[in-house]
Amino acid sequence: MKKFKSHFEYSKDERSGIFILCLFIIGLLVFLKFYKPTQVPLLDTSSPQIVSIQREIDSLKLVAIEKRKPKIFPFNPNFITDYKAYTLGLSTQEFDRLKKFRNTNKWVNSVADFKRVTQVNDSVLNKISPYFKFPEWVTNPKIKYSSSTSFPKKNFKEYDKELPFAEKVDLNIATAEQLKKIYGIGPALSVRIVEERQKLGGFSNDDQLYGVWGLKDSVVKKTLLRFTVKTPKVIERMNINTASASDIATIKGISFDFATEIWEFVTLRERINNLNELEKIDGMTTSRLKLIALYLSVE
């Protein structure tokens, strides 16, 4: 029969191990009783140094936030797109008012005009108006005329009969002084016509007069009774059935939004066979169609 062994009986090696363990525990207890850990000073967040660092961090955060905001560069408010209007903070209704106004061939020439047309609130206007950029002859005309300024009729000639082609003055060599003789063309408009001719490198067609800013259709018709393009600049026309919206937007007086409408009109029909089909587009005026016909064809 196997003899029962007590749990309290240990060998010599086991007793030595227990003795060492007891010494270790006693030593640890003595160490913990007399050990005083070094006190780590608490961070004083109100100290001048901490406050200064916090302010610097806050300023860096503000700079980072400003950098993430969309940058606004100088722009002409007459040619903003719906996306541009959105980034500027204009509502859909405000942009639609501007678009409707521009589709009548009228122009915004000042901050006051922009507010009157769009009815934008002052907080948004004050934010974006410093970036408005109008042509030099609008913001700093050499001779200033108010809307109520009247010119002596003796400086103008009212023409009602068209001259033969041979007797007409070539629009590509006409001077501002000659143009001022037409009733409705003052000093500012006459200079503007000459400047427009210089920008284009010469007129290619009489209808390009309709693209001169501020020149009324009725005045253009009077002008063409005495002036015409005799030495046209050659224009390479684009095929409207293959042109992109960006291509169409290069035509003077055609905004990117309106160019997109033209492109969509053509794309939905796969192609058009006559430019007169564009008359169905909302906002397409006779003068606009004449301008488009100079730069686009259906072939």
C-alpha atoms as a PDB file:
ATOM      1  CA  MET A   1       0.000   0.000   0.000  1.00  0.00           C
ATOM      2  CA  LYS A   2       1.371   3.436  -1.011  1.00  0.00           C
ATOM      3  CA  LYS A   3       2.261   5.704   1.871  1.00  0.00           C
ATOM      4  CA  PHE A   4       0.463   9.113   1.869  1.00  0.00           C
ATOM      5  CA  LYS A   5       2.864  12.115   1.571  1.00  0.00           C
ATOM      6  CA  SER A   6       2.027  15.348   3.404  1.00  0.00           C
ATOM      7  CA  HIS A   7       1.793  18.626   1.395  1.00  0.00           C
ATOM      8  CA  PHE A   8       3.996  20.288   4.000  1.00  0.00           C
ATOM      9  CA  GLU A   9       6.983  18.098   3.457  1.00  0.00           C
ATOM     10  CA  TYR A  10       9.615  19.732   1.182  1.00  0.00           C
ATOM     11  CA  SER A  11      12.947  18.736  -0.113  1.00  0.00           C
ATOM     12  CA  LYS A  12      16.102  20.685   0.678  1.00  0.00           C
ATOM     13  CA  ASP A  13      16.007  22.517  -2.699  1.00  0.00           C
ATOM     14  CA  GLU A  14      12.348  23.467  -2.263  1.00  0.00           C
ATOM     15  CA  ARG A  15      13.002  24.871   1.210  1.00  0.00           C
ATOM     16  CA  SER A  16      15.873  26.967  -0.169  1.00  0.00           C
ATOM     17  CA  GLY A  17      13.614  28.371  -2.903  1.00  0.00           C
ATOM     18  CA  ILE A  18      10.906  29.278  -0.408  1.00  0.00           C
ATOM     19  CA  PHE A  19      13.449  31.000   1.814  1.00  0.00           C
ATOM     20  CA  ILE A  20      14.788  33.129  -1.078  1.00  0.00           C
ATOM     21  CA  LEU A  21      11.226  34.061  -2.124  1.00  0.00           C
ATOM     22  CA  CYS A  22      10.424  35.222   1.419  1.00  0.00           C
ATOM     23  CA  LEU A  23      13.577  37.340   1.531  1.00  0.00           C
ATOM     24  CA  PHE A  24      12.601  38.937  -1.817  1.00  0.00           C
ATOM     25  CA  ILE A  25       9.077  39.763  -0.596  1.00  0.00           C
ATOM     26  CA  ILE A  26      10.377  41.261   2.667  1.00  0.00           C
ATOM     27  CA  GLY A  27      12.943  43.334   0.765  1.00  0.00           C
ATOM     28  CA  LEU A  28      10.279  44.614  -1.650  1.00  0.00           C
ATOM     29  CA  LEU A  29       8.004  45.631   1.250  1.00  0.00           C
ATOM     30  CA  VAL A  30      10.849  47.505   2.965  1.00  0.00           C
ATOM     31  CA  PHE A  31      11.730  49.263  -0.320  1.00  0.00           C
ATOM     32  CA  LEU A  32       8.150  50.373  -0.931  1.00  0.00           C
ATOM     33  CA  LYS A  33       7.823  51.657   2.644  1.00  0.00           C
ATOM     34  CA  PHE A  34      10.852  53.920   2.527  1.00  0.00           C
ATOM     35  CA  TYR A  35      10.923  54.837  -1.211  1.00  0.00           C
ATOM     36  CA  LYS A  36       9.633  58.321  -2.006  1.00  0.00           C
ATOM     37  CA  PRO A  37       9.024  58.837  -5.726  1.00  0.00           C
ATOM     38  CA  THR A  38      10.147  62.115  -7.283  1.00  0.00           C
ATOM     39  CA  GLN A  39       7.227  64.474  -7.625  1.00  0.00           C
ATOM     40  CA  VAL A  40       6.654  65.458 -11.297  1.00  0.00           C
ATOM     41  CA  PRO A  41       5.487  69.089 -11.412  1.00  0.00           C
ATOM     42  CA  LEU A  42       2.086  69.604 -13.040  1.00  0.00           C
ATOM     43  CA  LEU A  43       1.978  71.632 -16.281  1.00  0.00           C
ATOM     44  CA  ASP A  44       0.842  75.176 -15.597  1.00  0.00           C
ATOM     45  CA  THR A  45      -1.317  76.010 -18.620  1.00  0.00           C
ATOM     46  CA  SER A  46      -1.685  79.597 -17.452  1.00  0.00           C
ATOM     47  CA  SER A  47       2.031  80.338 -17.656  1.00  0.00           C
ATOM     48  CA  PRO A  48       3.071  83.034 -20.181  1.00  0.00           C
ATOM     49  CA  GLN A  49       5.111  80.516 -22.179  1.00  0.00           C
ATOM     50  CA  ILE A  50       2.204  78.074 -22.571  1.00  0.00           C
ATOM     51  CA  VAL A  51      -0.236  80.876 -23.419  1.00  0.00           C
ATOM     52  CA  SER A  52       2.165  82.188 -26.072  1.00  0.00           C
ATOM     53  CA  ILE A  53       2.566  78.738 -27.645  1.00  0.00           C
ATOM     54  CA  GLN A  54      -1.207  78.187 -27.639  1.00  0.00           C
ATOM     55  CA  ARG A  55      -1.776  81.505 -29.394  1.00  0.00           C
ATOM     56  CA  GLU A  56       0.782  80.587 -32.032  1.00  0.00           C
ATOM     57  CA  ILE A  57      -0.924  77.229 -32.600  1.00  0.00           C
ATOM     58  CA  ASP A  58      -4.317  78.955 -32.931  1.00  0.00           C
ATOM     59  CA  SER A  59      -2.924  81.437 -35.448  1.00  0.00           C
ATOM     60  CA  LEU A  60      -1.421  78.596 -37.509  1.00  0.00           C
ATOM     61  CA  LYS A  61      -4.804  76.847 -37.503  1.00  0.00           C
ATOM     62  CA  LEU A  62      -6.480  80.011 -38.804  1.00  0.00           C
ATOM     63  CA  VAL A  63      -3.866  80.333 -41.553  1.00  0.00           C
ATOM     64  CA  ALA A  64      -4.466  76.710 -42.553  1.00  0.00           C
ATOM     65  CA  ILE A  65      -8.233  77.289 -42.665  1.00  0.00           C
ATOM     66  CA  GLU A  66      -7.783  80.379 -44.852  1.00  0.00           C
ATOM     67  CA  LYS A  67      -5.550  78.441 -47.238  1.00  0.00           C
ATOM     68  CA  ARG A  68      -8.226  75.771 -47.645  1.00  0.00           C
ATOM     69  CA  LYS A  69     -10.820  78.355 -48.641  1.00  0.00           C
ATOM     70  CA  PRO A  70     -11.302  78.846 -52.421  1.00  0.00           C
ATOM     71  CA  LYS A  71      -9.210  81.780 -53.602  1.00  0.00           C
ATOM     72  CA  ILE A  72     -11.013  84.623 -55.341  1.00  0.00           C
ATOM     73  CA  PHE A  73      -9.217  86.323 -58.203  1.00  0.00           C
ATOM     74  CA  PRO A  74     -10.319  89.521 -59.963  1.00  0.00           C
ATOM     75  CA  PHE A  75     -13.148  88.785 -62.404  1.00  0.00           C
ATOM     76  CA  ASN A  76     -15.684  90.508 -64.621  1.00  0.00           C
ATOM     77  CA  PRO A  77     -19.125  89.851 -63.059  1.00  0.00           C
ATOM     78  CA  ASN A  78     -20.717  89.923 -66.517  1.00  0.00           C
ATOM     79  CA  PHE A  79     -19.141  86.558 -67.380  1.00  0.00           C
ATOM     80  CA  ILE A  80     -19.525  84.439 -64.241  1.00  0.00           C
ATOM     81  CA  THR A  81     -20.797  80.859 -64.570  1.00  0.00           C
ATOM     82  CA  ASP A  82     -23.319  79.146 -62.317  1.00  0.00           C
ATOM     83  CA  TYR A  83     -20.459  77.352 -60.526  1.00  0.00           C
ATOM     84  CA  LYS A  84     -18.591  80.630 -60.042  1.00  0.00           C
ATOM     85  CA  ALA A  85     -21.764  82.198 -58.665  1.00  0.00           C
ATOM     86  CA  TYR A  86     -22.104  79.294 -56.225  1.00  0.00           C
ATOM     87  CA  THR A  87     -18.523  79.696 -54.941  1.00  0.00           C
ATOM     88  CA  LEU A  88     -19.093  83.432 -54.518  1.00  0.00           C
ATOM     89  CA  GLY A  89     -22.148  82.830 -52.350  1.00  0.00           C
ATOM     90  CA  LEU A  90     -24.830  83.957 -54.820  1.00  0.00           C
ATOM     91  CA  SER A  91     -28.181  82.212 -54.644  1.00  0.00           C
ATOM     92  CA  THR A  92     -29.735  80.548 -57.691  1.00  0.00           C
ATOM     93  CA  GLN A  93     -32.318  83.337 -57.927  1.00  0.00           C
ATOM     94  CA  GLU A  94     -29.644  86.053 -57.832  1.00  0.00           C
ATOM     95  CA  PHE A  95     -27.613  84.366 -60.576  1.00  0.00           C
ATOM     96  CA  ASP A  96     -30.737  83.845 -62.705  1.00  0.00           C
ATOM     97  CA  ARG A  97     -31.497  87.584 -62.494  1.00  0.00           C
ATOM     98  CA  LEU A  98     -27.988  88.379 -63.725  1.00  0.00           C
ATOM     99  CA  LYS A  99     -28.239  85.793 -66.497  1.00  0.00           C
ATOM    100  CA  LYS A 100     -31.602  87.148 -67.651  1.00  0.00           C
ATOM    101  CA  PHE A 101     -30.200  90.685 -67.659  1.00  0.00           C
ATOM    102  CA  ARG A 102     -27.161  89.648 -69.729  1.00  0.00           C
ATOM    103  CA  ASN A 103     -29.310  87.764 -72.227  1.00  0.00           C
ATOM    104  CA  THR A 104     -30.835  91.111 -73.202  1.00  0.00           C
ATOM    105  CA  ASN A 105     -27.359  92.264 -74.352  1.00  0.00           C
ATOM    106  CA  LYS A 106     -27.049  94.621 -71.395  1.00  0.00           C
ATOM    107  CA  TRP A 107     -23.985  94.953 -69.189  1.00  0.00           C
ATOM    108  CA  VAL A 108     -23.176  95.454 -65.526  1.00  0.00           C
ATOM    109  CA  ASN A 109     -20.738  98.361 -65.320  1.00  0.00           C
ATOM    110  CA  SER A 110     -20.470  98.983 -61.581  1.00  0.00           C
ATOM    111  CA  VAL A 111     -21.024  97.500 -58.141  1.00  0.00           C
ATOM    112  CA  ALA A 112     -24.281  99.452 -57.915  1.00  0.00           C
ATOM    113  CA  ASP A 113     -25.452  97.898 -61.207  1.00  0.00           C
ATOM    114  CA  PHE A 114     -24.627  94.421 -59.912  1.00  0.00           C
ATOM    115  CA  LYS A 115     -26.625  94.977 -56.724  1.00  0.00           C
ATOM    116  CA  ARG A 116     -29.577  96.431 -58.631  1.00  0.00           C
ATOM    117  CA  VAL A 117     -29.700  93.543 -61.114  1.00  0.00           C
ATOM    118  CA  THR A 118     -29.055  90.599 -58.768  1.00  0.00           C
ATOM    119  CA  GLN A 119     -30.599  92.067 -55.575  1.00  0.00           C
ATOM    120  CA  VAL A 120     -27.765  90.392 -53.656  1.00  0.00           C
ATOM    121  CA  ASN A 121     -27.548  91.138 -49.932  1.00  0.00           C
ATOM    122  CA  ASP A 122     -24.924  93.595 -48.701  1.00  0.00           C
ATOM    123  CA  SER A 123     -22.897  91.046 -46.726  1.00  0.00           C
ATOM    124  CA  VAL A 124     -22.143  88.981 -49.844  1.00  0.00           C
ATOM    125  CA  LEU A 125     -21.699  92.070 -52.011  1.00  0.00           C
ATOM    126  CA  ASN A 126     -19.170  93.620 -49.637  1.00  0.00           C
ATOM    127  CA  LYS A 127     -17.225  90.361 -49.692  1.00  0.00           C
ATOM    128  CA  ILE A 128     -16.996  89.921 -53.473  1.00  0.00           C
ATOM    129  CA  SER A 129     -17.209  93.450 -54.902  1.00  0.00           C
ATOM    130  CA  PRO A 130     -13.509  94.254 -54.214  1.00  0.00           C
ATOM    131  CA  TYR A 131     -12.684  91.554 -56.787  1.00  0.00           C
ATOM    132  CA  PHE A 132     -14.866  93.012 -59.551  1.00  0.00           C
ATOM    133  CA  LYS A 133     -12.799  93.876 -62.601  1.00  0.00           C
ATOM    134  CA  PHE A 134     -14.328  96.025 -65.314  1.00  0.00           C
ATOM    135  CA  PRO A 135     -12.667  97.180 -68.558  1.00  0.00           C
ATOM    136  CA  GLU A 136     -10.381 100.189 -68.273  1.00  0.00           C
ATOM    137  CA  TRP A 137     -12.656 102.380 -70.359  1.00  0.00           C
ATOM    138  CA  VAL A 138     -15.473 101.691 -67.852  1.00  0.00           C
ATOM    139  CA  THR A 139     -13.549 102.276 -64.632  1.00  0.00           C
ATOM    140  CA  ASN A 140     -11.266 105.041 -65.829  1.00  0.00           C
ATOM    141  CA  PRO A 141     -12.604 106.702 -68.973  1.00  0.00           C
ATOM    142  CA  LYS A 142     -10.587 109.574 -70.363  1.00  0.00           C
ATOM    143  CA  ILE A 143     -13.782 111.586 -70.798  1.00  0.00           C
ATOM    144  CA  LYS A 144     -16.629 110.945 -68.394  1.00  0.00           C
ATOM    145  CA  TYR A 145     -20.216 111.165 -69.527  1.00  0.00           C
ATOM    146  CA  SER A 146     -23.226 110.585 -67.360  1.00  0.00           C
ATOM    147  CA  SER A 147     -26.316 108.865 -68.609  1.00  0.00           C
ATOM    148  CA  SER A 148     -28.020 112.252 -68.729  1.00  0.00           C
ATOM    149  CA  THR A 149     -25.290 113.899 -70.807  1.00  0.00           C
ATOM    150  CA  SER A 150     -26.647 115.193 -74.095  1.00  0.00           C
ATOM    151  CA  PHE A 151     -24.560 115.983 -77.134  1.00  0.00           C
ATOM    152  CA  PRO A 152     -25.364 118.823 -79.520  1.00  0.00           C
ATOM    153  CA  LYS A 153     -27.067 117.369 -82.525  1.00  0.00           C
ATOM    154  CA  LYS A 154     -24.858 119.467 -84.766  1.00  0.00           C
ATOM    155  CA  ASN A 155     -22.005 117.031 -83.979  1.00  0.00           C
ATOM    156  CA  PHE A 156     -24.001 114.147 -85.455  1.00  0.00           C
ATOM    157  CA  LYS A 157     -25.591 113.357 -88.775  1.00  0.00           C
ATOM    158  CA  GLU A 158     -28.835 111.429 -89.019  1.00  0.00           C
ATOM    159  CA  TYR A 159     -28.534 109.135 -92.037  1.00  0.00           C
ATOM    160  CA  ASP A 160     -31.518 107.302 -93.469  1.00  0.00           C
ATOM    161  CA  LYS A 161     -30.219 106.328 -96.903  1.00  0.00           C
ATOM    162  CA  GLU A 162     -27.544 103.727 -97.484  1.00  0.00           C
ATOM    163  CA  LEU A 163     -24.517 104.714 -99.526  1.00  0.00           C
ATOM    164  CA  PRO A 164     -23.333 102.517-102.396  1.00  0.00           C
ATOM    165  CA  PHE A 165     -20.610 100.060-101.383  1.00  0.00           C
ATOM    166  CA  ALA A 166     -17.930 102.019-103.218  1.00  0.00           C
ATOM    167  CA  GLU A 167     -18.743 105.198-101.260  1.00  0.00           C
ATOM    168  CA  LYS A 168     -18.805 103.595 -97.821  1.00  0.00           C
ATOM    169  CA  VAL A 169     -15.851 103.985 -95.463  1.00  0.00           C
ATOM    170  CA  ASP A 170     -13.920 100.800 -94.691  1.00  0.00           C
ATOM    171  CA  LEU A 171     -14.535  99.900 -91.043  1.00  0.00           C
ATOM    172  CA  ASN A 172     -10.991  98.587 -90.812  1.00  0.00           C
ATOM    173  CA  ILE A 173      -9.497 102.014 -91.457  1.00  0.00           C
ATOM    174  CA  ALA A 174     -12.249 104.278 -90.080  1.00  0.00           C
ATOM    175  CA  THR A 175     -11.131 106.695 -87.366  1.00  0.00           C
ATOM    176  CA  ALA A 176     -12.906 107.523 -84.132  1.00  0.00           C
ATOM    177  CA  GLU A 177     -13.607 111.009 -85.481  1.00  0.00           C
ATOM    178  CA  GLN A 178     -15.366 109.577 -88.534  1.00  0.00           C
ATOM    179  CA  LEU A 179     -17.430 107.191 -86.416  1.00  0.00           C
ATOM    180  CA  LYS A 180     -18.556 109.997 -84.097  1.00  0.00           C
ATOM    181  CA  LYS A 181     -20.481 111.528 -86.984  1.00  0.00           C
ATOM    182  CA  ILE A 182     -23.080 108.770 -86.628  1.00  0.00           C
ATOM    183  CA  TYR A 183     -25.910 109.783 -84.308  1.00  0.00           C
ATOM    184  CA  GLY A 184     -25.702 107.590 -81.226  1.00  0.00           C
ATOM    185  CA  ILE A 185     -21.927 107.138 -81.284  1.00  0.00           C
ATOM    186  CA  GLY A 186     -20.208 109.457 -78.839  1.00  0.00           C
ATOM    187  CA  PRO A 187     -16.511 109.816 -77.945  1.00  0.00           C
ATOM    188  CA  ALA A 188     -16.485 106.720 -75.717  1.00  0.00           C
ATOM    189  CA  LEU A 189     -18.218 104.400 -78.206  1.00  0.00           C
ATOM    190  CA  SER A 190     -16.142 105.576 -81.152  1.00  0.00           C
ATOM    191  CA  VAL A 191     -12.927 104.793 -79.261  1.00  0.00           C
ATOM    192  CA  ARG A 192     -14.377 101.463 -78.151  1.00  0.00           C
ATOM    193  CA  ILE A 193     -15.100 100.436 -81.761  1.00  0.00           C
ATOM    194  CA  VAL A 194     -11.516 101.210 -82.769  1.00  0.00           C
ATOM    195  CA  GLU A 195     -10.154  99.307 -79.747  1.00  0.00           C
ATOM    196  CA  GLU A 196     -12.365  96.322 -80.569  1.00  0.00           C
ATOM    197  CA  ARG A 197     -11.025  96.334 -84.125  1.00  0.00           C
ATOM    198  CA  GLN A 198      -7.466  96.345 -82.798  1.00  0.00           C
ATOM    199  CA  LYS A 199      -8.160  93.432 -80.437  1.00  0.00           C
ATOM    200  CA  LEU A 200      -9.578  91.356 -83.300  1.00  0.00           C
ATOM    201  CA  GLY A 201      -6.741  92.283 -85.623  1.00  0.00           C
ATOM    202  CA  GLY A 202      -9.316  93.783 -87.965  1.00  0.00           C
ATOM    203  CA  PHE A 203     -13.017  93.213 -88.583  1.00  0.00           C
ATOM    204  CA  SER A 204     -14.015  90.254 -90.739  1.00  0.00           C
ATOM    205  CA  ASN A 205     -17.665  91.135 -91.163  1.00  0.00           C
ATOM    206  CA  ASP A 206     -20.047  94.036 -90.555  1.00  0.00           C
ATOM    207  CA  ASP A 207     -21.932  91.946 -88.000  1.00  0.00           C
ATOM    208  CA  GLN A 208     -18.977  92.094 -85.594  1.00  0.00           C
ATOM    209  CA  LEU A 209     -20.148  95.580 -84.668  1.00  0.00           C
ATOM    210  CA  TYR A 210     -22.963  93.885 -82.751  1.00  0.00           C
ATOM    211  CA  GLY A 211     -20.314  92.534 -80.393  1.00  0.00           C
ATOM    212  CA  VAL A 212     -19.081  95.980 -79.326  1.00  0.00           C
ATOM    213  CA  TRP A 213     -20.040  96.549 -75.712  1.00  0.00           C
ATOM    214  CA  GLY A 214     -22.749  99.189 -75.324  1.00  0.00           C
ATOM    215  CA  LEU A 215     -23.429  99.662 -79.038  1.00  0.00           C
ATOM    216  CA  LYS A 216     -27.169  99.335 -79.645  1.00  0.00           C
ATOM    217  CA  ASP A 217     -28.482  97.323 -82.584  1.00  0.00           C
ATOM    218  CA  SER A 218     -30.265 100.395 -83.942  1.00  0.00           C
ATOM    219  CA  VAL A 219     -26.993 102.359 -83.911  1.00  0.00           C
ATOM    220  CA  VAL A 220     -25.184  99.496 -85.657  1.00  0.00           C
ATOM    221  CA  LYS A 221     -27.759  99.608 -88.451  1.00  0.00           C
ATOM    222  CA  LYS A 222     -27.251 103.375 -88.835  1.00  0.00           C
ATOM    223  CA  THR A 223     -23.496 102.901 -88.882  1.00  0.00           C
ATOM    224  CA  LEU A 224     -23.658 100.293 -91.635  1.00  0.00           C
ATOM    225  CA  LEU A 225     -25.451 102.766 -93.876  1.00  0.00           C
ATOM    226  CA  ARG A 226     -22.134 104.647 -94.149  1.00  0.00           C
ATOM    227  CA  PHE A 227     -19.492 102.082 -93.142  1.00  0.00           C
ATOM    228  CA  THR A 228     -18.680  98.510 -94.143  1.00  0.00           C
ATOM    229  CA  VAL A 229     -15.816  96.024 -94.030  1.00  0.00           C
ATOM    230  CA  LYS A 230     -13.948  96.224 -97.327  1.00  0.00           C
ATOM    231  CA  THR A 231     -10.722  94.511 -96.263  1.00  0.00           C
ATOM    232  CA  PRO A 232     -11.969  91.611 -94.118  1.00  0.00           C
ATOM    233  CA  LYS A 233      -9.742  89.538 -91.883  1.00  0.00           C
ATOM    234  CA  VAL A 234     -10.091  85.856 -92.750  1.00  0.00           C
ATOM    235  CA  ILE A 235     -11.792  83.757 -90.048  1.00  0.00           C
ATOM    236  CA  GLU A 236     -11.477  79.974 -89.946  1.00  0.00           C
ATOM    237  CA  ARG A 237     -14.943  78.845 -88.924  1.00  0.00           C
ATOM    238  CA  MET A 238     -15.559  75.881 -86.608  1.00  0.00           C
ATOM    239  CA  ASN A 239     -18.037  73.101 -87.308  1.00  0.00           C
ATOM    240  CA  ILE A 240     -20.795  73.550 -84.729  1.00  0.00           C
ATOM    241  CA  ASN A 241     -21.639  69.837 -84.946  1.00  0.00           C
ATOM    242  CA  THR A 242     -18.181  68.857 -83.672  1.00  0.00           C
ATOM    243  CA  ALA A 243     -17.233  71.918 -81.589  1.00  0.00           C
ATOM    244  CA  SER A 244     -17.152  71.636 -77.799  1.00  0.00           C
ATOM    245  CA  ALA A 245     -18.727  74.097 -75.368  1.00  0.00           C
ATOM    246  CA  SER A 246     -15.243  75.462 -74.649  1.00  0.00           C
ATOM    247  CA  ASP A 247     -14.680  76.067 -78.369  1.00  0.00           C
ATOM    248  CA  ILE A 248     -17.961  77.947 -78.692  1.00  0.00           C
ATOM    249  CA  ALA A 249     -17.179  80.015 -75.579  1.00  0.00           C
ATOM    250  CA  THR A 250     -14.163  81.518 -77.375  1.00  0.00           C
ATOM    251  CA  ILE A 251     -16.568  83.564 -79.491  1.00  0.00           C
ATOM    252  CA  LYS A 252     -16.695  87.111 -78.171  1.00  0.00           C
ATOM    253  CA  GLY A 253     -19.947  87.908 -76.406  1.00  0.00           C
ATOM    254  CA  ILE A 254     -20.800  84.238 -75.774  1.00  0.00           C
ATOM    255  CA  SER A 255     -20.484  83.185 -72.127  1.00  0.00           C
ATOM    256  CA  PHE A 256     -19.505  79.632 -71.189  1.00  0.00           C
ATOM    257  CA  ASP A 257     -23.012  78.991 -69.846  1.00  0.00           C
ATOM    258  CA  PHE A 258     -24.620  80.082 -73.100  1.00  0.00           C
ATOM    259  CA  ALA A 259     -22.015  78.123 -75.077  1.00  0.00           C
ATOM    260  CA  THR A 260     -22.987  75.050 -73.043  1.00  0.00           C
ATOM    261  CA  GLU A 261     -26.656  75.595 -73.929  1.00  0.00           C
ATOM    262  CA  ILE A 262     -25.737  75.742 -77.627  1.00  0.00           C
ATOM    263  CA  TRP A 263     -23.614  72.600 -77.350  1.00  0.00           C
ATOM    264  CA  GLU A 264     -26.397  70.720 -75.519  1.00  0.00           C
ATOM    265  CA  PHE A 265     -28.941  71.868 -78.127  1.00  0.00           C
ATOM    266  CA  VAL A 266     -26.796  70.457 -80.939  1.00  0.00           C
ATOM    267  CA  THR A 267     -25.841  67.282 -79.040  1.00  0.00           C
ATOM    268  CA  LEU A 268     -29.448  66.371 -78.201  1.00  0.00           C
ATOM    269  CA  ARG A 269     -30.315  66.597 -81.902  1.00  0.00           C
ATOM    270  CA  GLU A 270     -27.079  64.803 -82.878  1.00  0.00           C
ATOM    271  CA  ARG A 271     -26.480  67.573 -85.431  1.00  0.00           C
ATOM    272  CA  ILE A 272     -28.099  70.621 -87.004  1.00  0.00           C
ATOM    273  CA  ASN A 273     -28.221  71.461 -90.692  1.00  0.00           C
ATOM    274  CA  ASN A 274     -28.801  75.196 -90.436  1.00  0.00           C
ATOM    275  CA  LEU A 275     -27.573  77.760 -87.912  1.00  0.00           C
ATOM    276  CA  ASN A 276     -31.045  79.312 -87.898  1.00  0.00           C
ATOM    277  CA  GLU A 277     -32.169  76.315 -85.837  1.00  0.00           C
ATOM    278  CA  LEU A 278     -30.351  77.961 -82.912  1.00  0.00           C
ATOM    279  CA  GLU A 279     -33.126  80.572 -82.782  1.00  0.00           C
ATOM    280  CA  LYS A 280     -35.060  78.053 -80.663  1.00  0.00           C
ATOM    281  CA  ILE A 281     -32.575  78.526 -77.804  1.00  0.00           C
ATOM    282  CA  ASP A 282     -33.856  80.799 -75.051  1.00  0.00           C
ATOM    283  CA  GLY A 283     -31.873  84.043 -75.094  1.00  0.00           C
ATOM    284  CA  MET A 284     -30.658  83.713 -78.685  1.00  0.00           C
ATOM    285  CA  THR A 285     -31.035  87.174 -80.185  1.00  0.00           C
ATOM    286  CA  THR A 286     -30.634  88.182 -83.818  1.00  0.00           C
ATOM    287  CA  SER A 287     -27.374  89.976 -83.096  1.00  0.00           C
ATOM    288  CA  ARG A 288     -25.982  86.957 -81.245  1.00  0.00           C
ATOM    289  CA  LEU A 289     -26.905  84.646 -84.089  1.00  0.00           C
ATOM    290  CA  LYS A 290     -25.159  86.939 -86.557  1.00  0.00           C
ATOM    291  CA  LEU A 291     -22.001  86.858 -84.448  1.00  0.00           C
ATOM    292  CA  ILE A 292     -22.138  83.076 -84.130  1.00  0.00           C
ATOM    293  CA  ALA A 293     -22.526  82.700 -87.887  1.00  0.00           C
ATOM    294  CA  LEU A 294     -19.156  84.427 -88.330  1.00  0.00           C
ATOM    295  CA  TYR A 295     -17.306  81.769 -86.361  1.00  0.00           C
ATOM    296  CA  LEU A 296     -19.398  78.614 -86.779  1.00  0.00           C
ATOM    297  CA  SER A 297     -20.703  76.579 -89.683  1.00  0.00           C
ATOM    298  CA  VAL A 298     -22.726  73.379 -90.023  1.00  0.00           C
ATOM    299  CA  GLU A 299     -20.051  71.637 -92.094  1.00  0.00           C
END
